[in-house]
Amino acid sequence: MSGKTVTRADLTESVYQQVGLSRAESATFVEAVLEEISSALSAGETVKISSFGTFSVRSKSGRIGRNPKTGEEVPITPRRVLSFRPSHVLKDRIVEQLVGS
């Protein structure tokens, strides 16, 4: 594994190379897609991308946690968390990459 992180610039370059838009148009396109996903999640909607996975926001209730270092009980406030569930297509692709290595 290379340990490389994919950035917005990488996505923009990929759109530029594969779709043929200008670099500026590619950057605008990537930003628009990311903004649409962010807006939908902020509104509490689920974002499903076929053959990739599903992003959703779920609510977690408050609870009492424990500081592992001191053992002290600490209240954890209710919050909303982002979760991602990969599609079977993505899971299979990752497994193939690991097996093929």
Protein backbone atom coordinates (compact mmCIF):
# COMPACT_ATOMS: atom_id res chain seq x y z
CA MET A 1 0.00 0.00 0.00
CA SER A 2 1.24 3.44 -0.84
CA GLY A 3 -0.45 5.34 2.00
CA LYS A 4 -1.27 8.21 -0.36
CA THR A 5 -4.12 10.57 0.49
CA VAL A 6 -6.41 11.65 -2.34
CA THR A 7 -6.93 15.42 -2.28
CA ARG A 8 -9.28 17.83 -4.03
CA ALA A 9 -6.42 18.65 -6.37
CA ASP A 10 -6.09 14.95 -7.23
CA LEU A 11 -9.81 14.73 -7.97
CA THR A 12 -9.65 17.87 -10.08
CA GLU A 13 -6.68 16.52 -12.04
CA SER A 14 -8.51 13.22 -12.60
CA VAL A 15 -11.57 15.02 -13.98
CA TYR A 16 -9.28 17.14 -16.16
CA GLN A 17 -7.51 14.04 -17.55
CA GLN A 18 -10.54 11.78 -18.01
CA VAL A 19 -13.37 14.15 -18.91
CA GLY A 20 -11.48 16.77 -20.84
CA LEU A 21 -12.76 19.87 -19.08
CA SER A 22 -10.31 22.70 -18.49
CA ARG A 23 -8.50 22.68 -15.15
CA ALA A 24 -10.67 25.58 -13.93
CA GLU A 25 -13.88 23.85 -15.04
CA SER A 26 -12.69 20.61 -13.44
CA ALA A 27 -12.04 22.40 -10.14
CA THR A 28 -15.49 24.03 -10.29
CA PHE A 29 -17.09 20.66 -11.04
CA VAL A 30 -15.35 18.91 -8.12
CA GLU A 31 -16.26 21.75 -5.75
CA ALA A 32 -19.90 21.62 -6.88
CA VAL A 33 -20.13 17.86 -6.28
CA LEU A 34 -18.52 18.12 -2.84
CA GLU A 35 -20.76 21.07 -1.92
CA GLU A 36 -23.88 19.14 -2.96
CA ILE A 37 -22.85 16.16 -0.82
CA SER A 38 -22.01 18.43 2.15
CA SER A 39 -25.28 20.34 1.89
CA ALA A 40 -27.36 17.17 1.74
CA LEU A 41 -25.59 15.68 4.77
CA SER A 42 -25.92 18.94 6.71
CA ALA A 43 -29.66 18.84 6.04
CA GLY A 44 -29.79 15.32 7.48
CA GLU A 45 -30.28 13.61 4.11
CA THR A 46 -28.63 10.37 3.06
CA VAL A 47 -26.24 10.45 0.10
CA LYS A 48 -26.10 7.23 -1.90
CA ILE A 49 -23.52 6.90 -4.68
CA SER A 50 -24.15 3.82 -6.76
CA SER A 51 -21.29 1.26 -6.74
CA PHE A 52 -19.47 3.34 -4.12
CA GLY A 53 -21.46 3.59 -0.90
CA THR A 54 -23.85 5.50 1.33
CA PHE A 55 -23.09 8.48 3.54
CA SER A 56 -25.53 9.23 6.34
CA VAL A 57 -25.77 11.29 9.49
CA ARG A 58 -27.02 9.58 12.61
CA SER A 59 -27.75 10.84 16.08
CA LYS A 60 -25.99 9.40 19.09
CA SER A 61 -27.56 9.89 22.48
CA GLY A 62 -25.69 11.16 25.49
CA ARG A 63 -24.04 8.66 27.79
CA ILE A 64 -21.51 8.29 30.52
CA GLY A 65 -18.03 7.45 29.27
CA ARG A 66 -14.86 6.62 31.13
CA ASN A 67 -11.44 8.22 30.78
CA PRO A 68 -9.23 5.18 30.14
CA LYS A 69 -6.20 6.80 31.73
CA THR A 70 -7.79 7.89 35.03
CA GLY A 71 -10.92 5.73 35.13
CA GLU A 72 -12.93 8.87 35.83
CA GLU A 73 -16.52 8.91 34.55
CA VAL A 74 -17.17 11.68 32.02
CA PRO A 75 -20.50 12.70 30.48
CA ILE A 76 -20.56 12.46 26.67
CA THR A 77 -23.05 14.86 25.12
CA PRO A 78 -25.53 13.88 22.41
CA ARG A 79 -24.20 14.49 18.93
CA ARG A 80 -24.61 13.79 15.23
CA VAL A 81 -21.99 11.66 13.51
CA LEU A 82 -21.23 10.98 9.88
CA SER A 83 -21.15 7.35 8.84
CA PHE A 84 -20.19 5.65 5.59
CA ARG A 85 -21.31 2.23 4.46
CA PRO A 86 -19.39 0.98 1.42
CA SER A 87 -21.26 -0.80 -1.37
CA HIS A 88 -20.62 -4.46 -2.09
CA VAL A 89 -18.98 -3.40 -5.37
CA LEU A 90 -16.46 -1.24 -3.48
CA LYS A 91 -15.86 -3.93 -0.85
CA ASP A 92 -15.25 -6.54 -3.56
CA ARG A 93 -12.85 -4.20 -5.37
CA ILE A 94 -10.84 -3.60 -2.21
CA VAL A 95 -10.68 -7.32 -1.42
CA GLU A 96 -9.49 -8.02 -4.99
CA GLN A 97 -6.74 -5.41 -4.56
CA LEU A 98 -5.60 -6.99 -1.29
CA VAL A 99 -5.67 -10.53 -2.68
CA GLY A 100 -3.89 -9.47 -5.87
CA SER A 101 -1.03 -7.87 -3.90
